Amino acid sequence: MLSRRGLLAAAALWPLPLRAAEGGALRVGVLPFGTVSWEAAVIKERRLDAAQGFSLDSLKLAGNDAARIAFQGAQVDTIVSDLLWAARLRAEGRPVKFLPYSSTEGALMVAGDSPLRSLADLAGKRLGVAGGALDKTWLLLKARAQEREGIDLDRAARPAFGAPPLLMQKLQAGELDAALLYWTFCARLEAKGFRRLITADEIARSLGVEGPIALLGYVFEESLLQRRPGAIAAFARASRQAKEALAGDEGAWATVRPLMAAEDEPTFATLRRDFLAGIPRRTIAAERADAERLYAVLARLGGERLVGAATALPEGLYFDGAPNG
């Protein structure tokens, strides 16, 4: 049997939850039907936050713009947002950190029986683009089309920018020949027989990225680390445990299913598959190396309007305590 001294020594090595002084609530902003609400629901239902010494509070927000405003106004402690946005904030002097959340990205979708087989086939076609003219996937798609197929999509195709739900409806109605959409919309379309002409991951790899890169992540202020040194590490552990539960336990999806707005089994299955495929599993060093490659391409394509004055990914952007790899 261990002596009392041995027990105390063993206890000192065990990864304990946050100290009481660091506990309390951590506020996360979630969007309607967004996957962050799925993860948050599993954390709460399984009391993963309590096990790590904090309480996760979810604040429902109307959309991405509302989430960014809430974060910048300190109404929430963290949101899931774009790597480029986090990088721009840090480059402009706001010390934020980025914790990888998902590598699942969108795709260029076409009807299952569409004659389109390559980007070169988009010449003269009606092309819907979610996110606007400076959307990162649109910029990367244009770069890929120019470098590999020799086609300028701005001139050769007929791009139209709009909200993802509207573009999805127009593609289904045959009013668009193709649509570049976020992954949840792609999953819903695939369940209805539509197919991916090319994915964001395929585009990124063709431009030098070596692995599945997490372009979405939790963003939080460095000052939170100073006030509550263990808070984000505890949150990262709870987040990872929730993802592991969803990956390995069918019962975890009973909590999530009502939040998914999946009208049928094929839609549910496709959404679940793509969510699980996006769980980050690489080291932070690997994530950063690929992010630097992609950032250089996007800085060249989008310029200051997209990335601000910084020409390289800011130092210190990633949260090094992220439990990846």
C-alpha atoms as a PDB file:
ATOM      1  CA  MET A   1       0.000   0.000   0.000  1.00  0.00           C
ATOM      2  CA  LEU A   2       1.086   3.553  -0.643  1.00  0.00           C
ATOM      3  CA  SER A   3       2.116   5.606   2.342  1.00  0.00           C
ATOM      4  CA  ARG A   4       0.366   8.891   3.082  1.00  0.00           C
ATOM      5  CA  ARG A   5       3.365  10.673   1.584  1.00  0.00           C
ATOM      6  CA  GLY A   6       3.090   8.489  -1.522  1.00  0.00           C
ATOM      7  CA  LEU A   7      -0.606   9.258  -1.892  1.00  0.00           C
ATOM      8  CA  LEU A   8       0.065  12.984  -1.640  1.00  0.00           C
ATOM      9  CA  ALA A   9       2.821  12.729  -4.245  1.00  0.00           C
ATOM     10  CA  ALA A  10       0.555  10.796  -6.621  1.00  0.00           C
ATOM     11  CA  ALA A  11      -2.210  13.332  -6.131  1.00  0.00           C
ATOM     12  CA  ALA A  12       0.157  16.145  -7.007  1.00  0.00           C
ATOM     13  CA  LEU A  13       0.810  14.506 -10.393  1.00  0.00           C
ATOM     14  CA  TRP A  14      -2.862  13.948 -11.248  1.00  0.00           C
ATOM     15  CA  PRO A  15      -4.405  16.549 -13.673  1.00  0.00           C
ATOM     16  CA  LEU A  16      -6.846  18.292 -11.350  1.00  0.00           C
ATOM     17  CA  PRO A  17      -9.722  20.562 -12.407  1.00  0.00           C
ATOM     18  CA  LEU A  18      -9.395  24.312 -12.072  1.00  0.00           C
ATOM     19  CA  ARG A  19      -8.698  25.743  -8.656  1.00  0.00           C
ATOM     20  CA  ALA A  20     -11.785  27.235  -7.081  1.00  0.00           C
ATOM     21  CA  ALA A  21     -10.523  30.758  -7.687  1.00  0.00           C
ATOM     22  CA  GLU A  22     -10.348  30.032 -11.421  1.00  0.00           C
ATOM     23  CA  GLY A  23     -13.756  28.414 -11.673  1.00  0.00           C
ATOM     24  CA  GLY A  24     -17.031  30.125 -12.429  1.00  0.00           C
ATOM     25  CA  ALA A  25     -18.772  30.585 -15.745  1.00  0.00           C
ATOM     26  CA  LEU A  26     -17.217  30.581 -19.201  1.00  0.00           C
ATOM     27  CA  ARG A  27     -19.590  32.192 -21.709  1.00  0.00           C
ATOM     28  CA  VAL A  28     -19.652  30.808 -25.253  1.00  0.00           C
ATOM     29  CA  GLY A  29     -21.632  32.346 -28.100  1.00  0.00           C
ATOM     30  CA  VAL A  30     -23.644  29.867 -30.186  1.00  0.00           C
ATOM     31  CA  LEU A  31     -25.609  30.287 -33.417  1.00  0.00           C
ATOM     32  CA  PRO A  32     -29.005  28.821 -34.304  1.00  0.00           C
ATOM     33  CA  PHE A  33     -28.410  25.269 -35.587  1.00  0.00           C
ATOM     34  CA  GLY A  34     -24.642  25.849 -35.350  1.00  0.00           C
ATOM     35  CA  THR A  35     -22.433  22.917 -34.411  1.00  0.00           C
ATOM     36  CA  VAL A  36     -21.010  24.759 -31.389  1.00  0.00           C
ATOM     37  CA  SER A  37     -24.417  24.294 -29.776  1.00  0.00           C
ATOM     38  CA  TRP A  38     -24.039  20.533 -30.393  1.00  0.00           C
ATOM     39  CA  GLU A  39     -20.745  20.414 -28.533  1.00  0.00           C
ATOM     40  CA  ALA A  40     -22.006  22.682 -25.751  1.00  0.00           C
ATOM     41  CA  ALA A  41     -25.049  20.456 -25.256  1.00  0.00           C
ATOM     42  CA  VAL A  42     -22.847  17.374 -24.785  1.00  0.00           C
ATOM     43  CA  ILE A  43     -20.584  19.242 -22.364  1.00  0.00           C
ATOM     44  CA  LYS A  44     -23.574  20.240 -20.228  1.00  0.00           C
ATOM     45  CA  GLU A  45     -25.462  16.953 -20.448  1.00  0.00           C
ATOM     46  CA  ARG A  46     -22.386  14.969 -19.377  1.00  0.00           C
ATOM     47  CA  ARG A  47     -21.223  17.597 -16.872  1.00  0.00           C
ATOM     48  CA  LEU A  48     -17.822  17.770 -18.518  1.00  0.00           C
ATOM     49  CA  ASP A  49     -17.536  21.417 -17.520  1.00  0.00           C
ATOM     50  CA  ALA A  50     -18.196  20.668 -13.852  1.00  0.00           C
ATOM     51  CA  ALA A  51     -15.599  17.907 -13.958  1.00  0.00           C
ATOM     52  CA  GLN A  52     -13.070  20.479 -15.170  1.00  0.00           C
ATOM     53  CA  GLY A  53     -14.025  23.033 -12.515  1.00  0.00           C
ATOM     54  CA  PHE A  54     -16.065  25.577 -14.478  1.00  0.00           C
ATOM     55  CA  SER A  55     -19.596  26.152 -15.749  1.00  0.00           C
ATOM     56  CA  LEU A  56     -20.225  26.547 -19.476  1.00  0.00           C
ATOM     57  CA  ASP A  57     -22.917  29.117 -20.267  1.00  0.00           C
ATOM     58  CA  SER A  58     -24.271  29.339 -23.819  1.00  0.00           C
ATOM     59  CA  LEU A  59     -25.513  32.639 -25.223  1.00  0.00           C
ATOM     60  CA  LYS A  60     -27.611  32.334 -28.366  1.00  0.00           C
ATOM     61  CA  LEU A  61     -26.684  34.833 -31.084  1.00  0.00           C
ATOM     62  CA  ALA A  62     -28.368  35.622 -34.384  1.00  0.00           C
ATOM     63  CA  GLY A  63     -25.442  35.100 -36.750  1.00  0.00           C
ATOM     64  CA  ASN A  64     -21.720  35.477 -37.386  1.00  0.00           C
ATOM     65  CA  ASP A  65     -21.781  39.269 -37.299  1.00  0.00           C
ATOM     66  CA  ALA A  66     -23.684  39.258 -34.013  1.00  0.00           C
ATOM     67  CA  ALA A  67     -21.193  36.746 -32.602  1.00  0.00           C
ATOM     68  CA  ARG A  68     -18.223  38.920 -33.481  1.00  0.00           C
ATOM     69  CA  ILE A  69     -19.877  41.992 -32.003  1.00  0.00           C
ATOM     70  CA  ALA A  70     -20.703  40.090 -28.816  1.00  0.00           C
ATOM     71  CA  PHE A  71     -17.108  38.872 -28.525  1.00  0.00           C
ATOM     72  CA  GLN A  72     -15.566  42.266 -29.144  1.00  0.00           C
ATOM     73  CA  GLY A  73     -17.993  43.813 -26.687  1.00  0.00           C
ATOM     74  CA  ALA A  74     -17.052  41.255 -23.995  1.00  0.00           C
ATOM     75  CA  GLN A  75     -20.591  39.845 -23.853  1.00  0.00           C
ATOM     76  CA  VAL A  76     -19.118  36.372 -24.348  1.00  0.00           C
ATOM     77  CA  ASP A  77     -15.718  34.906 -23.518  1.00  0.00           C
ATOM     78  CA  THR A  78     -15.353  32.895 -26.704  1.00  0.00           C
ATOM     79  CA  ILE A  79     -16.953  32.191 -30.082  1.00  0.00           C
ATOM     80  CA  VAL A  80     -16.040  29.950 -32.972  1.00  0.00           C
ATOM     81  CA  SER A  81     -14.839  32.098 -35.829  1.00  0.00           C
ATOM     82  CA  ASP A  82     -12.540  32.196 -38.817  1.00  0.00           C
ATOM     83  CA  LEU A  83      -8.768  31.880 -38.501  1.00  0.00           C
ATOM     84  CA  LEU A  84      -8.322  34.905 -40.779  1.00  0.00           C
ATOM     85  CA  TRP A  85     -10.504  37.084 -38.557  1.00  0.00           C
ATOM     86  CA  ALA A  86      -8.586  36.032 -35.458  1.00  0.00           C
ATOM     87  CA  ALA A  87      -5.279  36.654 -37.228  1.00  0.00           C
ATOM     88  CA  ARG A  88      -6.398  40.106 -38.315  1.00  0.00           C
ATOM     89  CA  LEU A  89      -7.472  41.038 -34.778  1.00  0.00           C
ATOM     90  CA  ARG A  90      -4.105  39.974 -33.399  1.00  0.00           C
ATOM     91  CA  ALA A  91      -2.169  41.738 -36.157  1.00  0.00           C
ATOM     92  CA  GLU A  92      -4.091  44.938 -35.404  1.00  0.00           C
ATOM     93  CA  GLY A  93      -3.077  44.827 -31.747  1.00  0.00           C
ATOM     94  CA  ARG A  94      -5.916  42.947 -30.061  1.00  0.00           C
ATOM     95  CA  PRO A  95      -4.206  39.988 -28.343  1.00  0.00           C
ATOM     96  CA  VAL A  96      -6.457  37.033 -29.098  1.00  0.00           C
ATOM     97  CA  LYS A  97      -5.753  33.316 -29.152  1.00  0.00           C
ATOM     98  CA  PHE A  98      -7.086  30.644 -31.520  1.00  0.00           C
ATOM     99  CA  LEU A  99      -8.020  27.119 -30.414  1.00  0.00           C
ATOM    100  CA  PRO A 100      -8.709  24.819 -33.435  1.00  0.00           C
ATOM    101  CA  TYR A 101     -12.319  23.633 -33.557  1.00  0.00           C
ATOM    102  CA  SER A 102     -12.970  22.051 -36.961  1.00  0.00           C
ATOM    103  CA  SER A 103     -11.297  21.327 -40.280  1.00  0.00           C
ATOM    104  CA  THR A 104     -14.586  20.672 -42.070  1.00  0.00           C
ATOM    105  CA  GLU A 105     -15.134  23.305 -44.738  1.00  0.00           C
ATOM    106  CA  GLY A 106     -17.510  23.886 -47.613  1.00  0.00           C
ATOM    107  CA  ALA A 107     -17.554  22.745 -51.211  1.00  0.00           C
ATOM    108  CA  LEU A 108     -18.703  23.622 -54.702  1.00  0.00           C
ATOM    109  CA  MET A 109     -22.004  21.780 -55.093  1.00  0.00           C
ATOM    110  CA  VAL A 110     -23.791  20.715 -58.278  1.00  0.00           C
ATOM    111  CA  ALA A 111     -26.820  18.576 -59.046  1.00  0.00           C
ATOM    112  CA  GLY A 112     -26.225  14.836 -59.087  1.00  0.00           C
ATOM    113  CA  ASP A 113     -26.871  14.673 -62.832  1.00  0.00           C
ATOM    114  CA  SER A 114     -25.030  17.889 -63.678  1.00  0.00           C
ATOM    115  CA  PRO A 115     -22.723  17.708 -66.730  1.00  0.00           C
ATOM    116  CA  LEU A 116     -20.150  19.821 -64.842  1.00  0.00           C
ATOM    117  CA  ARG A 117     -17.045  17.743 -64.099  1.00  0.00           C
ATOM    118  CA  SER A 118     -14.248  20.288 -63.653  1.00  0.00           C
ATOM    119  CA  LEU A 119     -13.740  23.953 -62.857  1.00  0.00           C
ATOM    120  CA  ALA A 120     -13.143  24.604 -66.549  1.00  0.00           C
ATOM    121  CA  ASP A 121     -16.765  23.568 -67.151  1.00  0.00           C
ATOM    122  CA  LEU A 122     -17.937  26.601 -65.148  1.00  0.00           C
ATOM    123  CA  ALA A 123     -17.358  28.922 -68.117  1.00  0.00           C
ATOM    124  CA  GLY A 124     -20.615  30.726 -68.833  1.00  0.00           C
ATOM    125  CA  LYS A 125     -22.391  29.028 -65.922  1.00  0.00           C
ATOM    126  CA  ARG A 126     -24.436  30.580 -63.107  1.00  0.00           C
ATOM    127  CA  LEU A 127     -22.340  30.249 -59.958  1.00  0.00           C
ATOM    128  CA  GLY A 128     -23.620  31.077 -56.467  1.00  0.00           C
ATOM    129  CA  VAL A 129     -21.055  32.118 -53.852  1.00  0.00           C
ATOM    130  CA  ALA A 130     -21.785  32.293 -50.126  1.00  0.00           C
ATOM    131  CA  GLY A 131     -19.877  34.798 -48.048  1.00  0.00           C
ATOM    132  CA  GLY A 132     -19.187  37.605 -50.503  1.00  0.00           C
ATOM    133  CA  ALA A 133     -16.391  38.549 -52.878  1.00  0.00           C
ATOM    134  CA  LEU A 134     -13.702  38.245 -50.171  1.00  0.00           C
ATOM    135  CA  ASP A 135     -14.800  34.865 -48.863  1.00  0.00           C
ATOM    136  CA  LYS A 136     -11.634  32.798 -48.339  1.00  0.00           C
ATOM    137  CA  THR A 137     -12.951  29.704 -50.132  1.00  0.00           C
ATOM    138  CA  TRP A 138     -14.032  31.780 -53.132  1.00  0.00           C
ATOM    139  CA  LEU A 139     -10.577  33.344 -53.351  1.00  0.00           C
ATOM    140  CA  LEU A 140      -8.924  29.933 -53.116  1.00  0.00           C
ATOM    141  CA  LEU A 141     -11.300  28.485 -55.704  1.00  0.00           C
ATOM    142  CA  LYS A 142     -10.428  31.296 -58.107  1.00  0.00           C
ATOM    143  CA  ALA A 143      -6.714  30.714 -57.531  1.00  0.00           C
ATOM    144  CA  ARG A 144      -7.088  26.982 -58.180  1.00  0.00           C
ATOM    145  CA  ALA A 145      -9.136  27.593 -61.354  1.00  0.00           C
ATOM    146  CA  GLN A 146      -6.594  30.093 -62.672  1.00  0.00           C
ATOM    147  CA  GLU A 147      -3.502  28.025 -61.876  1.00  0.00           C
ATOM    148  CA  ARG A 148      -4.783  24.548 -62.784  1.00  0.00           C
ATOM    149  CA  GLU A 149      -7.496  25.104 -65.394  1.00  0.00           C
ATOM    150  CA  GLY A 150      -6.426  28.487 -66.767  1.00  0.00           C
ATOM    151  CA  ILE A 151      -9.866  30.024 -66.212  1.00  0.00           C
ATOM    152  CA  ASP A 152     -10.690  33.384 -64.626  1.00  0.00           C
ATOM    153  CA  LEU A 153     -13.945  32.650 -62.780  1.00  0.00           C
ATOM    154  CA  ASP A 154     -14.736  36.342 -62.257  1.00  0.00           C
ATOM    155  CA  ARG A 155     -14.953  36.805 -66.018  1.00  0.00           C
ATOM    156  CA  ALA A 156     -15.632  33.375 -67.436  1.00  0.00           C
ATOM    157  CA  ALA A 157     -18.418  32.339 -65.039  1.00  0.00           C
ATOM    158  CA  ARG A 158     -21.441  34.310 -63.846  1.00  0.00           C
ATOM    159  CA  PRO A 159     -20.893  34.582 -60.080  1.00  0.00           C
ATOM    160  CA  ALA A 160     -23.707  35.768 -57.819  1.00  0.00           C
ATOM    161  CA  PHE A 161     -23.177  36.385 -54.109  1.00  0.00           C
ATOM    162  CA  GLY A 162     -25.835  35.697 -51.505  1.00  0.00           C
ATOM    163  CA  ALA A 163     -26.867  34.101 -48.238  1.00  0.00           C
ATOM    164  CA  PRO A 164     -26.314  30.320 -48.083  1.00  0.00           C
ATOM    165  CA  PRO A 165     -29.995  29.343 -47.555  1.00  0.00           C
ATOM    166  CA  LEU A 166     -31.066  31.377 -50.596  1.00  0.00           C
ATOM    167  CA  LEU A 167     -28.290  29.976 -52.771  1.00  0.00           C
ATOM    168  CA  MET A 168     -29.156  26.428 -51.697  1.00  0.00           C
ATOM    169  CA  GLN A 169     -32.777  27.004 -52.690  1.00  0.00           C
ATOM    170  CA  LYS A 170     -31.788  28.430 -56.074  1.00  0.00           C
ATOM    171  CA  LEU A 171     -29.476  25.492 -56.767  1.00  0.00           C
ATOM    172  CA  GLN A 172     -32.260  23.062 -55.907  1.00  0.00           C
ATOM    173  CA  ALA A 173     -34.653  24.979 -58.169  1.00  0.00           C
ATOM    174  CA  GLY A 174     -32.199  24.859 -61.077  1.00  0.00           C
ATOM    175  CA  GLU A 175     -31.662  28.627 -61.079  1.00  0.00           C
ATOM    176  CA  LEU A 176     -27.940  28.094 -60.443  1.00  0.00           C
ATOM    177  CA  ASP A 177     -25.591  25.631 -62.123  1.00  0.00           C
ATOM    178  CA  ALA A 178     -23.297  25.402 -59.089  1.00  0.00           C
ATOM    179  CA  ALA A 179     -22.991  26.927 -55.627  1.00  0.00           C
ATOM    180  CA  LEU A 180     -20.047  27.388 -53.273  1.00  0.00           C
ATOM    181  CA  LEU A 181     -21.555  26.770 -49.835  1.00  0.00           C
ATOM    182  CA  TYR A 182     -20.650  26.200 -46.196  1.00  0.00           C
ATOM    183  CA  TRP A 183     -20.348  22.586 -45.124  1.00  0.00           C
ATOM    184  CA  THR A 184     -23.673  22.161 -43.317  1.00  0.00           C
ATOM    185  CA  PHE A 185     -25.531  23.253 -46.454  1.00  0.00           C
ATOM    186  CA  CYS A 186     -23.361  20.941 -48.544  1.00  0.00           C
ATOM    187  CA  ALA A 187     -24.240  18.032 -46.252  1.00  0.00           C
ATOM    188  CA  ARG A 188     -27.959  18.752 -46.535  1.00  0.00           C
ATOM    189  CA  LEU A 189     -27.715  18.933 -50.329  1.00  0.00           C
ATOM    190  CA  GLU A 190     -25.687  15.730 -50.559  1.00  0.00           C
ATOM    191  CA  ALA A 191     -28.402  13.934 -48.620  1.00  0.00           C
ATOM    192  CA  LYS A 192     -30.786  15.031 -51.390  1.00  0.00           C
ATOM    193  CA  GLY A 193     -28.615  13.659 -54.198  1.00  0.00           C
ATOM    194  CA  PHE A 194     -26.398  16.635 -55.001  1.00  0.00           C
ATOM    195  CA  ARG A 195     -22.631  16.119 -55.291  1.00  0.00           C
ATOM    196  CA  ARG A 196     -19.408  17.965 -54.547  1.00  0.00           C
ATOM    197  CA  LEU A 197     -17.550  19.158 -57.635  1.00  0.00           C
ATOM    198  CA  ILE A 198     -14.566  20.106 -55.482  1.00  0.00           C
ATOM    199  CA  THR A 199     -14.135  20.540 -51.723  1.00  0.00           C
ATOM    200  CA  ALA A 200     -12.371  23.321 -49.852  1.00  0.00           C
ATOM    201  CA  ASP A 201      -9.899  20.753 -48.527  1.00  0.00           C
ATOM    202  CA  GLU A 202      -9.025  19.631 -52.067  1.00  0.00           C
ATOM    203  CA  ILE A 203      -8.526  23.248 -53.099  1.00  0.00           C
ATOM    204  CA  ALA A 204      -6.262  23.962 -50.121  1.00  0.00           C
ATOM    205  CA  ARG A 205      -4.158  20.858 -50.724  1.00  0.00           C
ATOM    206  CA  SER A 206      -3.679  21.833 -54.363  1.00  0.00           C
ATOM    207  CA  LEU A 207      -2.256  25.151 -53.125  1.00  0.00           C
ATOM    208  CA  GLY A 208       0.347  23.598 -50.822  1.00  0.00           C
ATOM    209  CA  VAL A 209      -1.493  22.677 -47.615  1.00  0.00           C
ATOM    210  CA  GLU A 210      -0.335  19.272 -46.385  1.00  0.00           C
ATOM    211  CA  GLY A 211      -3.211  18.143 -44.161  1.00  0.00           C
ATOM    212  CA  PRO A 212      -6.737  18.927 -43.021  1.00  0.00           C
ATOM    213  CA  ILE A 213      -6.365  22.444 -41.642  1.00  0.00           C
ATOM    214  CA  ALA A 214      -8.717  23.801 -38.982  1.00  0.00           C
ATOM    215  CA  LEU A 215      -9.799  27.184 -40.332  1.00  0.00           C
ATOM    216  CA  LEU A 216     -12.481  27.453 -37.652  1.00  0.00           C
ATOM    217  CA  GLY A 217     -11.583  27.792 -34.002  1.00  0.00           C
ATOM    218  CA  TYR A 218     -12.531  29.158 -30.624  1.00  0.00           C
ATOM    219  CA  VAL A 219     -11.257  32.725 -30.267  1.00  0.00           C
ATOM    220  CA  PHE A 220     -10.617  34.234 -26.851  1.00  0.00           C
ATOM    221  CA  GLU A 221      -8.718  37.118 -25.297  1.00  0.00           C
ATOM    222  CA  GLU A 222      -5.235  36.631 -23.868  1.00  0.00           C
ATOM    223  CA  SER A 223      -6.373  38.636 -20.856  1.00  0.00           C
ATOM    224  CA  LEU A 224      -8.618  35.698 -19.922  1.00  0.00           C
ATOM    225  CA  LEU A 225      -5.495  33.585 -19.560  1.00  0.00           C
ATOM    226  CA  GLN A 226      -4.016  36.191 -17.259  1.00  0.00           C
ATOM    227  CA  ARG A 227      -7.126  36.437 -15.082  1.00  0.00           C
ATOM    228  CA  ARG A 228      -7.879  32.698 -15.016  1.00  0.00           C
ATOM    229  CA  PRO A 229      -4.711  30.852 -16.033  1.00  0.00           C
ATOM    230  CA  GLY A 230      -6.283  27.399 -16.270  1.00  0.00           C
ATOM    231  CA  ALA A 231      -9.665  28.374 -17.700  1.00  0.00           C
ATOM    232  CA  ILE A 232      -9.024  27.842 -21.387  1.00  0.00           C
ATOM    233  CA  ALA A 233      -7.016  24.650 -20.837  1.00  0.00           C
ATOM    234  CA  ALA A 234      -9.984  23.289 -18.865  1.00  0.00           C
ATOM    235  CA  PHE A 235     -12.392  24.377 -21.598  1.00  0.00           C
ATOM    236  CA  ALA A 236     -10.154  22.756 -24.254  1.00  0.00           C
ATOM    237  CA  ARG A 237     -10.242  19.484 -22.332  1.00  0.00           C
ATOM    238  CA  ALA A 238     -14.033  19.579 -22.024  1.00  0.00           C
ATOM    239  CA  SER A 239     -14.346  20.401 -25.731  1.00  0.00           C
ATOM    240  CA  ARG A 240     -12.104  17.474 -26.650  1.00  0.00           C
ATOM    241  CA  GLN A 241     -14.041  15.107 -24.365  1.00  0.00           C
ATOM    242  CA  ALA A 242     -17.331  16.173 -25.992  1.00  0.00           C
ATOM    243  CA  LYS A 243     -15.921  15.479 -29.457  1.00  0.00           C
ATOM    244  CA  GLU A 244     -14.615  12.092 -28.294  1.00  0.00           C
ATOM    245  CA  ALA A 245     -18.068  11.264 -26.930  1.00  0.00           C
ATOM    246  CA  LEU A 246     -19.680  12.167 -30.263  1.00  0.00           C
ATOM    247  CA  ALA A 247     -17.080  10.119 -32.131  1.00  0.00           C
ATOM    248  CA  GLY A 248     -17.396   7.002 -29.998  1.00  0.00           C
ATOM    249  CA  ASP A 249     -20.754   6.945 -28.239  1.00  0.00           C
ATOM    250  CA  GLU A 250     -24.046   6.702 -30.121  1.00  0.00           C
ATOM    251  CA  GLY A 251     -25.841   7.895 -27.008  1.00  0.00           C
ATOM    252  CA  ALA A 252     -24.202  11.325 -27.254  1.00  0.00           C
ATOM    253  CA  TRP A 253     -26.129  11.993 -30.455  1.00  0.00           C
ATOM    254  CA  ALA A 254     -29.445  11.647 -28.644  1.00  0.00           C
ATOM    255  CA  THR A 255     -28.585  14.964 -26.982  1.00  0.00           C
ATOM    256  CA  VAL A 256     -27.571  16.590 -30.261  1.00  0.00           C
ATOM    257  CA  ARG A 257     -30.216  15.280 -32.666  1.00  0.00           C
ATOM    258  CA  PRO A 258     -32.961  17.765 -31.629  1.00  0.00           C
ATOM    259  CA  LEU A 259     -30.556  20.670 -32.330  1.00  0.00           C
ATOM    260  CA  MET A 260     -29.642  19.605 -35.876  1.00  0.00           C
ATOM    261  CA  ALA A 261     -32.840  20.374 -37.800  1.00  0.00           C
ATOM    262  CA  ALA A 262     -32.220  17.165 -39.736  1.00  0.00           C
ATOM    263  CA  GLU A 263     -35.514  16.390 -41.422  1.00  0.00           C
ATOM    264  CA  ASP A 264     -34.621  12.809 -42.334  1.00  0.00           C
ATOM    265  CA  GLU A 265     -32.130  10.053 -41.592  1.00  0.00           C
ATOM    266  CA  PRO A 266     -29.861  10.684 -44.627  1.00  0.00           C
ATOM    267  CA  THR A 267     -29.479  14.356 -43.617  1.00  0.00           C
ATOM    268  CA  PHE A 268     -28.682  13.402 -40.037  1.00  0.00           C
ATOM    269  CA  ALA A 269     -26.138  10.810 -41.169  1.00  0.00           C
ATOM    270  CA  THR A 270     -24.370  13.204 -43.552  1.00  0.00           C
ATOM    271  CA  LEU A 271     -24.208  16.009 -41.001  1.00  0.00           C
ATOM    272  CA  ARG A 272     -22.832  13.637 -38.385  1.00  0.00           C
ATOM    273  CA  ARG A 273     -20.247  12.187 -40.788  1.00  0.00           C
ATOM    274  CA  ASP A 274     -18.915  15.588 -41.814  1.00  0.00           C
ATOM    275  CA  PHE A 275     -18.832  16.927 -38.256  1.00  0.00           C
ATOM    276  CA  LEU A 276     -16.782  13.954 -37.077  1.00  0.00           C
ATOM    277  CA  ALA A 277     -14.451  14.195 -40.077  1.00  0.00           C
ATOM    278  CA  GLY A 278     -13.580  17.736 -39.028  1.00  0.00           C
ATOM    279  CA  ILE A 279     -12.374  16.978 -35.498  1.00  0.00           C
ATOM    280  CA  PRO A 280      -8.820  18.405 -35.308  1.00  0.00           C
ATOM    281  CA  ARG A 281      -6.277  15.681 -34.665  1.00  0.00           C
ATOM    282  CA  ARG A 282      -2.993  17.299 -35.689  1.00  0.00           C
ATOM    283  CA  THR A 283      -0.433  19.079 -33.556  1.00  0.00           C
ATOM    284  CA  ILE A 284      -0.539  22.835 -33.188  1.00  0.00           C
ATOM    285  CA  ALA A 285       2.827  23.005 -34.982  1.00  0.00           C
ATOM    286  CA  ALA A 286       1.353  21.217 -38.017  1.00  0.00           C
ATOM    287  CA  GLU A 287      -1.748  23.424 -37.943  1.00  0.00           C
ATOM    288  CA  ARG A 288       0.351  26.573 -37.856  1.00  0.00           C
ATOM    289  CA  ALA A 289       2.676  25.444 -40.658  1.00  0.00           C
ATOM    290  CA  ASP A 290      -0.258  24.869 -43.000  1.00  0.00           C
ATOM    291  CA  ALA A 291      -1.973  28.061 -41.846  1.00  0.00           C
ATOM    292  CA  GLU A 292       1.147  30.044 -42.753  1.00  0.00           C
ATOM    293  CA  ARG A 293       1.129  28.552 -46.260  1.00  0.00           C
ATOM    294  CA  LEU A 294      -2.544  29.296 -46.786  1.00  0.00           C
ATOM    295  CA  TYR A 295      -2.310  32.759 -45.241  1.00  0.00           C
ATOM    296  CA  ALA A 296       0.413  33.714 -47.724  1.00  0.00           C
ATOM    297  CA  VAL A 297      -1.846  32.705 -50.625  1.00  0.00           C
ATOM    298  CA  LEU A 298      -4.839  34.582 -49.226  1.00  0.00           C
ATOM    299  CA  ALA A 299      -2.775  37.689 -48.443  1.00  0.00           C
ATOM    300  CA  ARG A 300      -1.650  37.705 -52.069  1.00  0.00           C
ATOM    301  CA  LEU A 301      -5.168  37.202 -53.411  1.00  0.00           C
ATOM    302  CA  GLY A 302      -7.219  39.331 -51.030  1.00  0.00           C
ATOM    303  CA  GLY A 303      -4.649  41.921 -49.994  1.00  0.00           C
ATOM    304  CA  GLU A 304      -5.245  44.358 -47.183  1.00  0.00           C
ATOM    305  CA  ARG A 305      -9.033  44.229 -47.594  1.00  0.00           C
ATOM    306  CA  LEU A 306      -8.946  40.598 -46.476  1.00  0.00           C
ATOM    307  CA  VAL A 307      -6.063  40.245 -44.020  1.00  0.00           C
ATOM    308  CA  GLY A 308      -5.287  43.833 -43.025  1.00  0.00           C
ATOM    309  CA  ALA A 309      -1.757  45.169 -42.965  1.00  0.00           C
ATOM    310  CA  ALA A 310      -0.118  41.912 -41.860  1.00  0.00           C
ATOM    311  CA  THR A 311       1.597  39.978 -44.641  1.00  0.00           C
ATOM    312  CA  ALA A 312       2.272  36.909 -42.472  1.00  0.00           C
ATOM    313  CA  LEU A 313       0.371  35.001 -39.815  1.00  0.00           C
ATOM    314  CA  PRO A 314       0.922  36.819 -36.483  1.00  0.00           C
ATOM    315  CA  GLU A 315       3.158  35.191 -33.904  1.00  0.00           C
ATOM    316  CA  GLY A 316       1.496  33.783 -30.801  1.00  0.00           C
ATOM    317  CA  LEU A 317      -1.919  33.338 -32.425  1.00  0.00           C
ATOM    318  CA  TYR A 318      -2.447  29.684 -31.496  1.00  0.00           C
ATOM    319  CA  PHE A 319      -3.270  28.497 -28.014  1.00  0.00           C
ATOM    320  CA  ASP A 320      -0.417  26.092 -27.281  1.00  0.00           C
ATOM    321  CA  GLY A 321      -2.348  24.167 -24.671  1.00  0.00           C
ATOM    322  CA  ALA A 322      -4.827  22.851 -27.236  1.00  0.00           C
ATOM    323  CA  PRO A 323      -5.113  19.054 -26.774  1.00  0.00           C
ATOM    324  CA  ASN A 324      -4.574  18.108 -30.424  1.00  0.00           C
ATOM    325  CA  GLY A 325      -2.255  15.443 -31.737  1.00  0.00           C
END
